[in-house]
Amino acid sequence: IVATDSGYVAPDTLHEGLNHLVFENRGTTIHECMFVRLPDGMSARAYL
């Protein structure tokens, strides 16, 4: 998973259970990457 100043470069799917991630920041400022599980019926736009 690569963080940039315009968003993330990441796969569309991951598997259930333990995931081995490599996180890299290629932006010009600090970044992080929280995984937020959305409830049924909530879109990303509604969360934002």
PDB file of all heavy atoms in Angstrom:
ATOM      1  N   ILE A   1       0.866  -1.182   0.000  1.00  0.00           N
ATOM      2  CA  ILE A   1       0.000   0.000   0.000  1.00  0.00           C
ATOM      3  C   ILE A   1       0.897   1.226   0.000  1.00  0.00           C
ATOM      4  O   ILE A   1       1.759   1.383   0.875  1.00  0.00           O
ATOM      5  CB  ILE A   1      -0.933   0.015   1.227  1.00  0.00           C
ATOM      6  CG1 ILE A   1      -1.873  -1.197   1.206  1.00  0.00           C
ATOM      7  CG2 ILE A   1      -1.738   1.317   1.272  1.00  0.00           C
ATOM      8  CD1 ILE A   1      -2.800  -1.279   2.397  1.00  0.00           C
ATOM      9  N   VAL A   2       0.726   2.059  -0.994  1.00  0.00           N
ATOM     10  CA  VAL A   2       1.555   3.256  -1.147  1.00  0.00           C
ATOM     11  C   VAL A   2       0.696   4.491  -0.932  1.00  0.00           C
ATOM     12  O   VAL A   2      -0.358   4.651  -1.560  1.00  0.00           O
ATOM     13  CB  VAL A   2       2.198   3.302  -2.549  1.00  0.00           C
ATOM     14  CG1 VAL A   2       3.010   4.584  -2.722  1.00  0.00           C
ATOM     15  CG2 VAL A   2       3.079   2.073  -2.763  1.00  0.00           C
ATOM     16  N   ALA A   3       1.140   5.350  -0.028  1.00  0.00           N
ATOM     17  CA  ALA A   3       0.459   6.619   0.216  1.00  0.00           C
ATOM     18  C   ALA A   3       1.100   7.706  -0.630  1.00  0.00           C
ATOM     19  O   ALA A   3       2.327   7.823  -0.685  1.00  0.00           O
ATOM     20  CB  ALA A   3       0.529   6.988   1.692  1.00  0.00           C
ATOM     21  N   THR A   4       0.272   8.489  -1.312  1.00  0.00           N
ATOM     22  CA  THR A   4       0.737   9.649  -2.060  1.00  0.00           C
ATOM     23  C   THR A   4      -0.060  10.861  -1.595  1.00  0.00           C
ATOM     24  O   THR A   4      -1.018  10.729  -0.832  1.00  0.00           O
ATOM     25  CB  THR A   4       0.546   9.457  -3.573  1.00  0.00           C
ATOM     26  OG1 THR A   4      -0.855   9.533  -3.877  1.00  0.00           O
ATOM     27  CG2 THR A   4       1.081   8.106  -4.029  1.00  0.00           C
ATOM     28  N   ASP A   5       0.309  12.030  -2.064  1.00  0.00           N
ATOM     29  CA  ASP A   5      -0.411  13.241  -1.657  1.00  0.00           C
ATOM     30  C   ASP A   5      -1.802  13.319  -2.271  1.00  0.00           C
ATOM     31  O   ASP A   5      -2.621  14.137  -1.848  1.00  0.00           O
ATOM     32  CB  ASP A   5       0.399  14.484  -2.038  1.00  0.00           C
ATOM     33  CG  ASP A   5       1.692  14.589  -1.254  1.00  0.00           C
ATOM     34  OD1 ASP A   5       1.806  13.918  -0.210  1.00  0.00           O
ATOM     35  OD2 ASP A   5       2.604  15.322  -1.691  1.00  0.00           O
ATOM     36  N   SER A   6      -2.091  12.469  -3.242  1.00  0.00           N
ATOM     37  CA  SER A   6      -3.417  12.475  -3.864  1.00  0.00           C
ATOM     38  C   SER A   6      -4.253  11.254  -3.495  1.00  0.00           C
ATOM     39  O   SER A   6      -5.376  11.114  -3.974  1.00  0.00           O
ATOM     40  CB  SER A   6      -3.281  12.559  -5.390  1.00  0.00           C
ATOM     41  OG  SER A   6      -2.525  11.477  -5.887  1.00  0.00           O
ATOM     42  N   GLY A   7      -3.726  10.388  -2.653  1.00  0.00           N
ATOM     43  CA  GLY A   7      -4.487   9.218  -2.243  1.00  0.00           C
ATOM     44  C   GLY A   7      -3.607   7.986  -2.126  1.00  0.00           C
ATOM     45  O   GLY A   7      -2.383   8.093  -1.974  1.00  0.00           O
ATOM     46  N   TYR A   8      -4.240   6.804  -2.199  1.00  0.00           N
ATOM     47  CA  TYR A   8      -3.530   5.544  -2.006  1.00  0.00           C
ATOM     48  C   TYR A   8      -3.451   4.738  -3.304  1.00  0.00           C
ATOM     49  O   TYR A   8      -4.373   4.753  -4.112  1.00  0.00           O
ATOM     50  CB  TYR A   8      -4.246   4.664  -0.973  1.00  0.00           C
ATOM     51  CG  TYR A   8      -4.311   5.255   0.414  1.00  0.00           C
ATOM     52  CD1 TYR A   8      -5.486   5.825   0.887  1.00  0.00           C
ATOM     53  CD2 TYR A   8      -3.208   5.222   1.272  1.00  0.00           C
ATOM     54  CE1 TYR A   8      -5.565   6.364   2.163  1.00  0.00           C
ATOM     55  CE2 TYR A   8      -3.273   5.760   2.546  1.00  0.00           C
ATOM     56  CZ  TYR A   8      -4.453   6.324   2.983  1.00  0.00           C
ATOM     57  OH  TYR A   8      -4.522   6.855   4.240  1.00  0.00           O
ATOM     58  N   VAL A   9      -2.340   4.043  -3.449  1.00  0.00           N
ATOM     59  CA  VAL A   9      -2.223   3.006  -4.459  1.00  0.00           C
ATOM     60  C   VAL A   9      -2.309   1.687  -3.702  1.00  0.00           C
ATOM     61  O   VAL A   9      -1.436   1.365  -2.879  1.00  0.00           O
ATOM     62  CB  VAL A   9      -0.891   3.095  -5.226  1.00  0.00           C
ATOM     63  CG1 VAL A   9      -0.791   1.961  -6.247  1.00  0.00           C
ATOM     64  CG2 VAL A   9      -0.755   4.454  -5.905  1.00  0.00           C
ATOM     65  N   ALA A  10      -3.378   0.929  -3.931  1.00  0.00           N
ATOM     66  CA  ALA A  10      -3.633  -0.272  -3.158  1.00  0.00           C
ATOM     67  C   ALA A  10      -4.452  -1.254  -3.984  1.00  0.00           C
ATOM     68  O   ALA A  10      -5.137  -0.853  -4.931  1.00  0.00           O
ATOM     69  CB  ALA A  10      -4.386   0.075  -1.870  1.00  0.00           C
ATOM     70  N   PRO A  11      -4.425  -2.531  -3.626  1.00  0.00           N
ATOM     71  CA  PRO A  11      -5.261  -3.507  -4.346  1.00  0.00           C
ATOM     72  C   PRO A  11      -6.731  -3.274  -4.047  1.00  0.00           C
ATOM     73  O   PRO A  11      -7.088  -2.629  -3.051  1.00  0.00           O
ATOM     74  CB  PRO A  11      -4.779  -4.848  -3.795  1.00  0.00           C
ATOM     75  CG  PRO A  11      -4.228  -4.533  -2.451  1.00  0.00           C
ATOM     76  CD  PRO A  11      -3.617  -3.167  -2.571  1.00  0.00           C
ATOM     77  N   ASP A  12      -7.599  -3.806  -4.906  1.00  0.00           N
ATOM     78  CA  ASP A  12      -9.037  -3.651  -4.694  1.00  0.00           C
ATOM     79  C   ASP A  12      -9.573  -4.608  -3.637  1.00  0.00           C
ATOM     80  O   ASP A  12     -10.609  -4.348  -3.033  1.00  0.00           O
ATOM     81  CB  ASP A  12      -9.793  -3.883  -6.014  1.00  0.00           C
ATOM     82  CG  ASP A  12      -9.487  -2.813  -7.059  1.00  0.00           C
ATOM     83  OD1 ASP A  12      -9.291  -1.652  -6.652  1.00  0.00           O
ATOM     84  OD2 ASP A  12      -9.436  -3.146  -8.246  1.00  0.00           O
ATOM     85  N   THR A  13      -8.873  -5.734  -3.445  1.00  0.00           N
ATOM     86  CA  THR A  13      -9.349  -6.736  -2.496  1.00  0.00           C
ATOM     87  C   THR A  13      -8.210  -7.225  -1.611  1.00  0.00           C
ATOM     88  O   THR A  13      -7.040  -7.232  -2.016  1.00  0.00           O
ATOM     89  CB  THR A  13      -9.968  -7.950  -3.210  1.00  0.00           C
ATOM     90  OG1 THR A  13      -8.972  -8.567  -4.028  1.00  0.00           O
ATOM     91  CG2 THR A  13     -11.150  -7.532  -4.071  1.00  0.00           C
ATOM     92  N   LEU A  14      -8.570  -7.643  -0.408  1.00  0.00           N
ATOM     93  CA  LEU A  14      -7.673  -8.308   0.528  1.00  0.00           C
ATOM     94  C   LEU A  14      -8.399  -9.552   1.042  1.00  0.00           C
ATOM     95  O   LEU A  14      -9.614  -9.664   0.905  1.00  0.00           O
ATOM     96  CB  LEU A  14      -7.308  -7.383   1.695  1.00  0.00           C
ATOM     97  CG  LEU A  14      -6.527  -6.107   1.355  1.00  0.00           C
ATOM     98  CD1 LEU A  14      -6.400  -5.224   2.586  1.00  0.00           C
ATOM     99  CD2 LEU A  14      -5.151  -6.455   0.815  1.00  0.00           C
ATOM    100  N   HIS A  15      -7.661 -10.456   1.673  1.00  0.00           N
ATOM    101  CA  HIS A  15      -8.306 -11.668   2.181  1.00  0.00           C
ATOM    102  C   HIS A  15      -8.655 -11.519   3.665  1.00  0.00           C
ATOM    103  O   HIS A  15      -8.100 -10.676   4.375  1.00  0.00           O
ATOM    104  CB  HIS A  15      -7.409 -12.890   1.960  1.00  0.00           C
ATOM    105  CG  HIS A  15      -6.123 -12.849   2.746  1.00  0.00           C
ATOM    106  ND1 HIS A  15      -4.906 -12.607   2.169  1.00  0.00           N
ATOM    107  CD2 HIS A  15      -5.869 -13.027   4.058  1.00  0.00           C
ATOM    108  CE1 HIS A  15      -3.962 -12.627   3.076  1.00  0.00           C
ATOM    109  NE2 HIS A  15      -4.508 -12.880   4.247  1.00  0.00           N
ATOM    110  N   GLU A  16      -9.580 -12.345   4.110  1.00  0.00           N
ATOM    111  CA  GLU A  16      -9.948 -12.364   5.522  1.00  0.00           C
ATOM    112  C   GLU A  16      -8.800 -12.932   6.356  1.00  0.00           C
ATOM    113  O   GLU A  16      -7.974 -13.688   5.867  1.00  0.00           O
ATOM    114  CB  GLU A  16     -11.198 -13.211   5.734  1.00  0.00           C
ATOM    115  CG  GLU A  16     -12.452 -12.657   5.083  1.00  0.00           C
ATOM    116  CD  GLU A  16     -13.636 -13.580   5.283  1.00  0.00           C
ATOM    117  OE1 GLU A  16     -13.975 -13.864   6.459  1.00  0.00           O
ATOM    118  OE2 GLU A  16     -14.216 -14.037   4.281  1.00  0.00           O
ATOM    119  N   GLY A  17      -8.789 -12.547   7.633  1.00  0.00           N
ATOM    120  CA  GLY A  17      -7.750 -13.039   8.526  1.00  0.00           C
ATOM    121  C   GLY A  17      -6.563 -12.102   8.573  1.00  0.00           C
ATOM    122  O   GLY A  17      -6.664 -10.910   8.253  1.00  0.00           O
ATOM    123  N   LEU A  18      -5.429 -12.643   8.956  1.00  0.00           N
ATOM    124  CA  LEU A  18      -4.225 -11.830   9.098  1.00  0.00           C
ATOM    125  C   LEU A  18      -3.667 -11.463   7.731  1.00  0.00           C
ATOM    126  O   LEU A  18      -3.474 -12.328   6.872  1.00  0.00           O
ATOM    127  CB  LEU A  18      -3.182 -12.598   9.902  1.00  0.00           C
ATOM    128  CG  LEU A  18      -2.015 -11.792  10.484  1.00  0.00           C
ATOM    129  CD1 LEU A  18      -2.524 -10.776  11.508  1.00  0.00           C
ATOM    130  CD2 LEU A  18      -0.996 -12.723  11.132  1.00  0.00           C
ATOM    131  N   ASN A  19      -3.432 -10.164   7.503  1.00  0.00           N
ATOM    132  CA  ASN A  19      -2.864  -9.667   6.249  1.00  0.00           C
ATOM    133  C   ASN A  19      -1.472  -9.092   6.516  1.00  0.00           C
ATOM    134  O   ASN A  19      -1.273  -8.348   7.483  1.00  0.00           O
ATOM    135  CB  ASN A  19      -3.752  -8.583   5.645  1.00  0.00           C
ATOM    136  CG  ASN A  19      -4.932  -9.136   4.876  1.00  0.00           C
ATOM    137  OD1 ASN A  19      -4.893  -9.261   3.666  1.00  0.00           O
ATOM    138  ND2 ASN A  19      -5.992  -9.488   5.595  1.00  0.00           N
ATOM    139  N   HIS A  20      -0.539  -9.448   5.647  1.00  0.00           N
ATOM    140  CA  HIS A  20       0.827  -8.921   5.719  1.00  0.00           C
ATOM    141  C   HIS A  20       0.927  -7.728   4.773  1.00  0.00           C
ATOM    142  O   HIS A  20       0.829  -7.880   3.560  1.00  0.00           O
ATOM    143  CB  HIS A  20       1.811 -10.024   5.329  1.00  0.00           C
ATOM    144  CG  HIS A  20       3.243  -9.595   5.322  1.00  0.00           C
ATOM    145  ND1 HIS A  20       4.243 -10.364   4.759  1.00  0.00           N
ATOM    146  CD2 HIS A  20       3.862  -8.480   5.814  1.00  0.00           C
ATOM    147  CE1 HIS A  20       5.401  -9.748   4.889  1.00  0.00           C
ATOM    148  NE2 HIS A  20       5.197  -8.588   5.521  1.00  0.00           N
ATOM    149  N   LEU A  21       1.087  -6.546   5.341  1.00  0.00           N
ATOM    150  CA  LEU A  21       1.111  -5.314   4.562  1.00  0.00           C
ATOM    151  C   LEU A  21       2.517  -4.709   4.544  1.00  0.00           C
ATOM    152  O   LEU A  21       3.254  -4.787   5.528  1.00  0.00           O
ATOM    153  CB  LEU A  21       0.152  -4.280   5.163  1.00  0.00           C
ATOM    154  CG  LEU A  21      -1.280  -4.730   5.461  1.00  0.00           C
ATOM    155  CD1 LEU A  21      -2.045  -3.589   6.119  1.00  0.00           C
ATOM    156  CD2 LEU A  21      -1.978  -5.184   4.193  1.00  0.00           C
ATOM    157  N   VAL A  22       2.854  -4.097   3.432  1.00  0.00           N
ATOM    158  CA  VAL A  22       4.038  -3.242   3.340  1.00  0.00           C
ATOM    159  C   VAL A  22       3.528  -1.847   3.019  1.00  0.00           C
ATOM    160  O   VAL A  22       2.933  -1.627   1.958  1.00  0.00           O
ATOM    161  CB  VAL A  22       5.021  -3.721   2.257  1.00  0.00           C
ATOM    162  CG1 VAL A  22       6.186  -2.746   2.148  1.00  0.00           C
ATOM    163  CG2 VAL A  22       5.528  -5.123   2.571  1.00  0.00           C
ATOM    164  N   PHE A  23       3.738  -0.915   3.959  1.00  0.00           N
ATOM    165  CA  PHE A  23       3.239   0.446   3.784  1.00  0.00           C
ATOM    166  C   PHE A  23       4.405   1.370   3.461  1.00  0.00           C
ATOM    167  O   PHE A  23       5.442   1.345   4.131  1.00  0.00           O
ATOM    168  CB  PHE A  23       2.535   0.924   5.051  1.00  0.00           C
ATOM    169  CG  PHE A  23       1.978   2.320   4.958  1.00  0.00           C
ATOM    170  CD1 PHE A  23       0.907   2.591   4.120  1.00  0.00           C
ATOM    171  CD2 PHE A  23       2.521   3.357   5.694  1.00  0.00           C
ATOM    172  CE1 PHE A  23       0.383   3.879   4.029  1.00  0.00           C
ATOM    173  CE2 PHE A  23       2.005   4.646   5.611  1.00  0.00           C
ATOM    174  CZ  PHE A  23       0.934   4.900   4.772  1.00  0.00           C
ATOM    175  N   GLU A  24       4.219   2.192   2.432  1.00  0.00           N
ATOM    176  CA  GLU A  24       5.267   3.113   2.009  1.00  0.00           C
ATOM    177  C   GLU A  24       4.666   4.480   1.741  1.00  0.00           C
ATOM    178  O   GLU A  24       3.622   4.597   1.114  1.00  0.00           O
ATOM    179  CB  GLU A  24       5.943   2.585   0.745  1.00  0.00           C
ATOM    180  CG  GLU A  24       7.097   3.435   0.253  1.00  0.00           C
ATOM    181  CD  GLU A  24       7.798   2.826  -0.944  1.00  0.00           C
ATOM    182  OE1 GLU A  24       7.410   1.717  -1.367  1.00  0.00           O
ATOM    183  OE2 GLU A  24       8.736   3.461  -1.459  1.00  0.00           O
ATOM    184  N   ASN A  25       5.336   5.514   2.234  1.00  0.00           N
ATOM    185  CA  ASN A  25       4.889   6.888   2.004  1.00  0.00           C
ATOM    186  C   ASN A  25       5.755   7.509   0.916  1.00  0.00           C
ATOM    187  O   ASN A  25       6.932   7.803   1.131  1.00  0.00           O
ATOM    188  CB  ASN A  25       4.996   7.702   3.296  1.00  0.00           C
ATOM    189  CG  ASN A  25       4.502   9.135   3.120  1.00  0.00           C
ATOM    190  OD1 ASN A  25       4.076   9.533   2.033  1.00  0.00           O
ATOM    191  ND2 ASN A  25       4.555   9.907   4.180  1.00  0.00           N
ATOM    192  N   ARG A  26       5.160   7.733  -0.258  1.00  0.00           N
ATOM    193  CA  ARG A  26       5.867   8.390  -1.364  1.00  0.00           C
ATOM    194  C   ARG A  26       5.370   9.816  -1.564  1.00  0.00           C
ATOM    195  O   ARG A  26       5.624  10.426  -2.609  1.00  0.00           O
ATOM    196  CB  ARG A  26       5.684   7.587  -2.654  1.00  0.00           C
ATOM    197  CG  ARG A  26       6.346   6.223  -2.631  1.00  0.00           C
ATOM    198  CD  ARG A  26       6.221   5.517  -3.960  1.00  0.00           C
ATOM    199  NE  ARG A  26       6.663   4.129  -3.895  1.00  0.00           N
ATOM    200  CZ  ARG A  26       6.457   3.234  -4.842  1.00  0.00           C
ATOM    201  NH1 ARG A  26       5.829   3.583  -5.954  1.00  0.00           N
ATOM    202  NH2 ARG A  26       6.875   1.986  -4.693  1.00  0.00           N
ATOM    203  N   GLY A  27       4.667  10.335  -0.587  1.00  0.00           N
ATOM    204  CA  GLY A  27       4.197  11.715  -0.660  1.00  0.00           C
ATOM    205  C   GLY A  27       5.254  12.690  -0.183  1.00  0.00           C
ATOM    206  O   GLY A  27       6.385  12.324   0.138  1.00  0.00           O
ATOM    207  N   THR A  28       4.855  13.956  -0.108  1.00  0.00           N
ATOM    208  CA  THR A  28       5.770  15.005   0.347  1.00  0.00           C
ATOM    209  C   THR A  28       5.489  15.414   1.778  1.00  0.00           C
ATOM    210  O   THR A  28       6.169  16.291   2.319  1.00  0.00           O
ATOM    211  CB  THR A  28       5.658  16.246  -0.562  1.00  0.00           C
ATOM    212  OG1 THR A  28       4.312  16.754  -0.504  1.00  0.00           O
ATOM    213  CG2 THR A  28       6.002  15.899  -2.001  1.00  0.00           C
ATOM    214  N   THR A  29       4.496  14.792   2.388  1.00  0.00           N
ATOM    215  CA  THR A  29       4.150  15.093   3.769  1.00  0.00           C
ATOM    216  C   THR A  29       3.839  13.796   4.490  1.00  0.00           C
ATOM    217  O   THR A  29       3.889  12.707   3.913  1.00  0.00           O
ATOM    218  CB  THR A  29       2.939  16.053   3.823  1.00  0.00           C
ATOM    219  OG1 THR A  29       2.712  16.442   5.187  1.00  0.00           O
ATOM    220  CG2 THR A  29       1.681  15.390   3.281  1.00  0.00           C
ATOM    221  N   ILE A  30       3.519  13.874   5.756  1.00  0.00           N
ATOM    222  CA  ILE A  30       3.228  12.696   6.577  1.00  0.00           C
ATOM    223  C   ILE A  30       1.896  12.072   6.154  1.00  0.00           C
ATOM    224  O   ILE A  30       0.947  12.788   5.829  1.00  0.00           O
ATOM    225  CB  ILE A  30       3.188  13.107   8.067  1.00  0.00           C
ATOM    226  CG1 ILE A  30       4.572  13.590   8.511  1.00  0.00           C
ATOM    227  CG2 ILE A  30       2.702  11.960   8.947  1.00  0.00           C
ATOM    228  CD1 ILE A  30       4.561  14.346   9.820  1.00  0.00           C
ATOM    229  N   HIS A  31       1.837  10.740   6.167  1.00  0.00           N
ATOM    230  CA  HIS A  31       0.597  10.026   5.874  1.00  0.00           C
ATOM    231  C   HIS A  31       0.452   8.822   6.799  1.00  0.00           C
ATOM    232  O   HIS A  31       1.425   8.348   7.393  1.00  0.00           O
ATOM    233  CB  HIS A  31       0.558   9.555   4.418  1.00  0.00           C
ATOM    234  CG  HIS A  31       0.445  10.654   3.417  1.00  0.00           C
ATOM    235  ND1 HIS A  31      -0.661  11.469   3.330  1.00  0.00           N
ATOM    236  CD2 HIS A  31       1.321  11.091   2.466  1.00  0.00           C
ATOM    237  CE1 HIS A  31      -0.477  12.356   2.362  1.00  0.00           C
ATOM    238  NE2 HIS A  31       0.710  12.151   1.817  1.00  0.00           N
ATOM    239  N   GLU A  32      -0.783   8.322   6.898  1.00  0.00           N
ATOM    240  CA  GLU A  32      -1.095   7.095   7.620  1.00  0.00           C
ATOM    241  C   GLU A  32      -2.164   6.354   6.818  1.00  0.00           C
ATOM    242  O   GLU A  32      -2.611   6.844   5.770  1.00  0.00           O
ATOM    243  CB  GLU A  32      -1.599   7.407   9.038  1.00  0.00           C
ATOM    244  CG  GLU A  32      -2.901   8.185   9.062  1.00  0.00           C
ATOM    245  CD  GLU A  32      -3.348   8.572  10.466  1.00  0.00           C
ATOM    246  OE1 GLU A  32      -2.583   8.364  11.427  1.00  0.00           O
ATOM    247  OE2 GLU A  32      -4.479   9.089  10.591  1.00  0.00           O
ATOM    248  N   CYS A  33      -2.593   5.185   7.310  1.00  0.00           N
ATOM    249  CA  CYS A  33      -3.592   4.421   6.551  1.00  0.00           C
ATOM    250  C   CYS A  33      -4.445   3.580   7.503  1.00  0.00           C
ATOM    251  O   CYS A  33      -4.112   2.415   7.778  1.00  0.00           O
ATOM    252  CB  CYS A  33      -2.912   3.532   5.510  1.00  0.00           C
ATOM    253  SG  CYS A  33      -4.075   2.611   4.471  1.00  0.00           S
ATOM    254  N   MET A  34      -5.526   4.172   7.986  1.00  0.00           N
ATOM    255  CA  MET A  34      -6.437   3.443   8.856  1.00  0.00           C
ATOM    256  C   MET A  34      -7.434   2.628   8.035  1.00  0.00           C
ATOM    257  O   MET A  34      -7.959   3.107   7.022  1.00  0.00           O
ATOM    258  CB  MET A  34      -7.205   4.398   9.763  1.00  0.00           C
ATOM    259  CG  MET A  34      -8.269   3.719  10.623  1.00  0.00           C
ATOM    260  SD  MET A  34      -9.127   4.873  11.698  1.00  0.00           S
ATOM    261  CE  MET A  34      -7.874   5.076  12.972  1.00  0.00           C
ATOM    262  N   PHE A  35      -7.685   1.402   8.460  1.00  0.00           N
ATOM    263  CA  PHE A  35      -8.723   0.572   7.867  1.00  0.00           C
ATOM    264  C   PHE A  35     -10.015   0.787   8.655  1.00  0.00           C
ATOM    265  O   PHE A  35     -10.092   0.417   9.827  1.00  0.00           O
ATOM    266  CB  PHE A  35      -8.326  -0.904   7.906  1.00  0.00           C
ATOM    267  CG  PHE A  35      -7.306  -1.286   6.880  1.00  0.00           C
ATOM    268  CD1 PHE A  35      -5.954  -1.059   7.100  1.00  0.00           C
ATOM    269  CD2 PHE A  35      -7.694  -1.873   5.683  1.00  0.00           C
ATOM    270  CE1 PHE A  35      -5.007  -1.407   6.147  1.00  0.00           C
ATOM    271  CE2 PHE A  35      -6.753  -2.225   4.723  1.00  0.00           C
ATOM    272  CZ  PHE A  35      -5.403  -1.985   4.953  1.00  0.00           C
ATOM    273  N   VAL A  36     -11.012   1.378   8.009  1.00  0.00           N
ATOM    274  CA  VAL A  36     -12.311   1.635   8.647  1.00  0.00           C
ATOM    275  C   VAL A  36     -13.344   0.738   7.987  1.00  0.00           C
ATOM    276  O   VAL A  36     -13.632   0.887   6.792  1.00  0.00           O
ATOM    277  CB  VAL A  36     -12.725   3.109   8.503  1.00  0.00           C
ATOM    278  CG1 VAL A  36     -14.071   3.343   9.201  1.00  0.00           C
ATOM    279  CG2 VAL A  36     -11.653   4.031   9.080  1.00  0.00           C
ATOM    280  N   ARG A  37     -13.906  -0.207   8.741  1.00  0.00           N
ATOM    281  CA  ARG A  37     -14.930  -1.094   8.187  1.00  0.00           C
ATOM    282  C   ARG A  37     -16.284  -0.392   8.217  1.00  0.00           C
ATOM    283  O   ARG A  37     -16.769  -0.003   9.278  1.00  0.00           O
ATOM    284  CB  ARG A  37     -14.997  -2.407   8.971  1.00  0.00           C
ATOM    285  CG  ARG A  37     -15.855  -3.472   8.278  1.00  0.00           C
ATOM    286  CD  ARG A  37     -15.657  -4.847   8.860  1.00  0.00           C
ATOM    287  NE  ARG A  37     -16.294  -4.999  10.151  1.00  0.00           N
ATOM    288  CZ  ARG A  37     -15.649  -5.254  11.297  1.00  0.00           C
ATOM    289  NH1 ARG A  37     -14.332  -5.357  11.302  1.00  0.00           N
ATOM    290  NH2 ARG A  37     -16.302  -5.404  12.429  1.00  0.00           N
ATOM    291  N   LEU A  38     -16.860  -0.214   7.033  1.00  0.00           N
ATOM    292  CA  LEU A  38     -18.115   0.513   6.919  1.00  0.00           C
ATOM    293  C   LEU A  38     -19.288  -0.419   7.197  1.00  0.00           C
ATOM    294  O   LEU A  38     -19.301  -1.563   6.738  1.00  0.00           O
ATOM    295  CB  LEU A  38     -18.250   1.108   5.519  1.00  0.00           C
ATOM    296  CG  LEU A  38     -17.142   2.088   5.086  1.00  0.00           C
ATOM    297  CD1 LEU A  38     -17.357   2.499   3.637  1.00  0.00           C
ATOM    298  CD2 LEU A  38     -17.097   3.309   6.000  1.00  0.00           C
ATOM    299  N   PRO A  39     -20.295   0.038   7.935  1.00  0.00           N
ATOM    300  CA  PRO A  39     -21.472  -0.805   8.173  1.00  0.00           C
ATOM    301  C   PRO A  39     -22.300  -0.935   6.901  1.00  0.00           C
ATOM    302  O   PRO A  39     -22.182  -0.122   5.977  1.00  0.00           O
ATOM    303  CB  PRO A  39     -22.227  -0.047   9.264  1.00  0.00           C
ATOM    304  CG  PRO A  39     -21.847   1.387   9.052  1.00  0.00           C
ATOM    305  CD  PRO A  39     -20.412   1.357   8.592  1.00  0.00           C
ATOM    306  N   ASP A  40     -23.142  -1.956   6.863  1.00  0.00           N
ATOM    307  CA  ASP A  40     -24.028  -2.140   5.711  1.00  0.00           C
ATOM    308  C   ASP A  40     -24.866  -0.881   5.508  1.00  0.00           C
ATOM    309  O   ASP A  40     -25.438  -0.332   6.457  1.00  0.00           O
ATOM    310  CB  ASP A  40     -24.959  -3.337   5.938  1.00  0.00           C
ATOM    311  CG  ASP A  40     -24.202  -4.661   5.916  1.00  0.00           C
ATOM    312  OD1 ASP A  40     -23.079  -4.675   5.396  1.00  0.00           O
ATOM    313  OD2 ASP A  40     -24.743  -5.660   6.437  1.00  0.00           O
ATOM    314  N   GLY A  41     -24.912  -0.420   4.274  1.00  0.00           N
ATOM    315  CA  GLY A  41     -25.717   0.751   3.960  1.00  0.00           C
ATOM    316  C   GLY A  41     -24.979   2.066   4.046  1.00  0.00           C
ATOM    317  O   GLY A  41     -25.516   3.101   3.637  1.00  0.00           O
ATOM    318  N   MET A  42     -23.745   2.068   4.585  1.00  0.00           N
ATOM    319  CA  MET A  42     -22.964   3.315   4.659  1.00  0.00           C
ATOM    320  C   MET A  42     -21.933   3.336   3.537  1.00  0.00           C
ATOM    321  O   MET A  42     -21.093   2.445   3.421  1.00  0.00           O
ATOM    322  CB  MET A  42     -22.257   3.470   6.007  1.00  0.00           C
ATOM    323  CG  MET A  42     -21.396   4.747   6.083  1.00  0.00           C
ATOM    324  SD  MET A  42     -20.465   4.927   7.635  1.00  0.00           S
ATOM    325  CE  MET A  42     -21.760   5.459   8.755  1.00  0.00           C
ATOM    326  N   SER A  43     -21.996   4.365   2.719  1.00  0.00           N
ATOM    327  CA  SER A  43     -21.009   4.549   1.657  1.00  0.00           C
ATOM    328  C   SER A  43     -19.815   5.322   2.195  1.00  0.00           C
ATOM    329  O   SER A  43     -19.866   5.920   3.280  1.00  0.00           O
ATOM    330  CB  SER A  43     -21.630   5.309   0.490  1.00  0.00           C
ATOM    331  OG  SER A  43     -21.964   6.634   0.888  1.00  0.00           O
ATOM    332  N   ALA A  44     -18.751   5.309   1.418  1.00  0.00           N
ATOM    333  CA  ALA A  44     -17.591   6.106   1.793  1.00  0.00           C
ATOM    334  C   ALA A  44     -17.954   7.578   1.875  1.00  0.00           C
ATOM    335  O   ALA A  44     -17.514   8.302   2.768  1.00  0.00           O
ATOM    336  CB  ALA A  44     -16.461   5.879   0.791  1.00  0.00           C
ATOM    337  N   ARG A  45     -18.807   8.037   0.961  1.00  0.00           N
ATOM    338  CA  ARG A  45     -19.232   9.435   0.953  1.00  0.00           C
ATOM    339  C   ARG A  45     -20.012   9.785   2.220  1.00  0.00           C
ATOM    340  O   ARG A  45     -19.829  10.857   2.796  1.00  0.00           O
ATOM    341  CB  ARG A  45     -20.087   9.698  -0.275  1.00  0.00           C
ATOM    342  CG  ARG A  45     -20.520  11.141  -0.496  1.00  0.00           C
ATOM    343  CD  ARG A  45     -19.339  12.049  -0.779  1.00  0.00           C
ATOM    344  NE  ARG A  45     -18.872  12.762   0.407  1.00  0.00           N
ATOM    345  CZ  ARG A  45     -17.752  13.433   0.467  1.00  0.00           C
ATOM    346  NH1 ARG A  45     -16.951  13.475  -0.588  1.00  0.00           N
ATOM    347  NH2 ARG A  45     -17.384  14.065   1.566  1.00  0.00           N
ATOM    348  N   ALA A  46     -20.871   8.857   2.674  1.00  0.00           N
ATOM    349  CA  ALA A  46     -21.649   9.108   3.882  1.00  0.00           C
ATOM    350  C   ALA A  46     -20.738   9.191   5.104  1.00  0.00           C
ATOM    351  O   ALA A  46     -20.965  10.013   6.009  1.00  0.00           O
ATOM    352  CB  ALA A  46     -22.689   8.011   4.075  1.00  0.00           C
ATOM    353  N   TYR A  47     -19.719   8.351   5.130  1.00  0.00           N
ATOM    354  CA  TYR A  47     -18.751   8.405   6.229  1.00  0.00           C
ATOM    355  C   TYR A  47     -18.036   9.754   6.242  1.00  0.00           C
ATOM    356  O   TYR A  47     -17.906  10.399   7.293  1.00  0.00           O
ATOM    357  CB  TYR A  47     -17.740   7.270   6.084  1.00  0.00           C
ATOM    358  CG  TYR A  47     -16.688   7.229   7.179  1.00  0.00           C
ATOM    359  CD1 TYR A  47     -16.879   6.474   8.326  1.00  0.00           C
ATOM    360  CD2 TYR A  47     -15.489   7.928   7.040  1.00  0.00           C
ATOM    361  CE1 TYR A  47     -15.917   6.434   9.322  1.00  0.00           C
ATOM    362  CE2 TYR A  47     -14.519   7.893   8.025  1.00  0.00           C
ATOM    363  CZ  TYR A  47     -14.732   7.138   9.171  1.00  0.00           C
ATOM    364  OH  TYR A  47     -13.766   7.101  10.153  1.00  0.00           O
ATOM    365  N   LEU A  48     -17.595  10.197   5.071  1.00  0.00           N
ATOM    366  CA  LEU A  48     -16.883  11.470   4.987  1.00  0.00           C
ATOM    367  C   LEU A  48     -17.803  12.639   5.336  1.00  0.00           C
ATOM    368  O   LEU A  48     -17.364  13.619   5.953  1.00  0.00           O
ATOM    369  CB  LEU A  48     -16.310  11.655   3.585  1.00  0.00           C
ATOM    370  CG  LEU A  48     -15.254  10.615   3.163  1.00  0.00           C
ATOM    371  CD1 LEU A  48     -14.805  10.864   1.735  1.00  0.00           C
ATOM    372  CD2 LEU A  48     -14.073  10.638   4.113  1.00  0.00           C
TER     373      LEU A  48
END
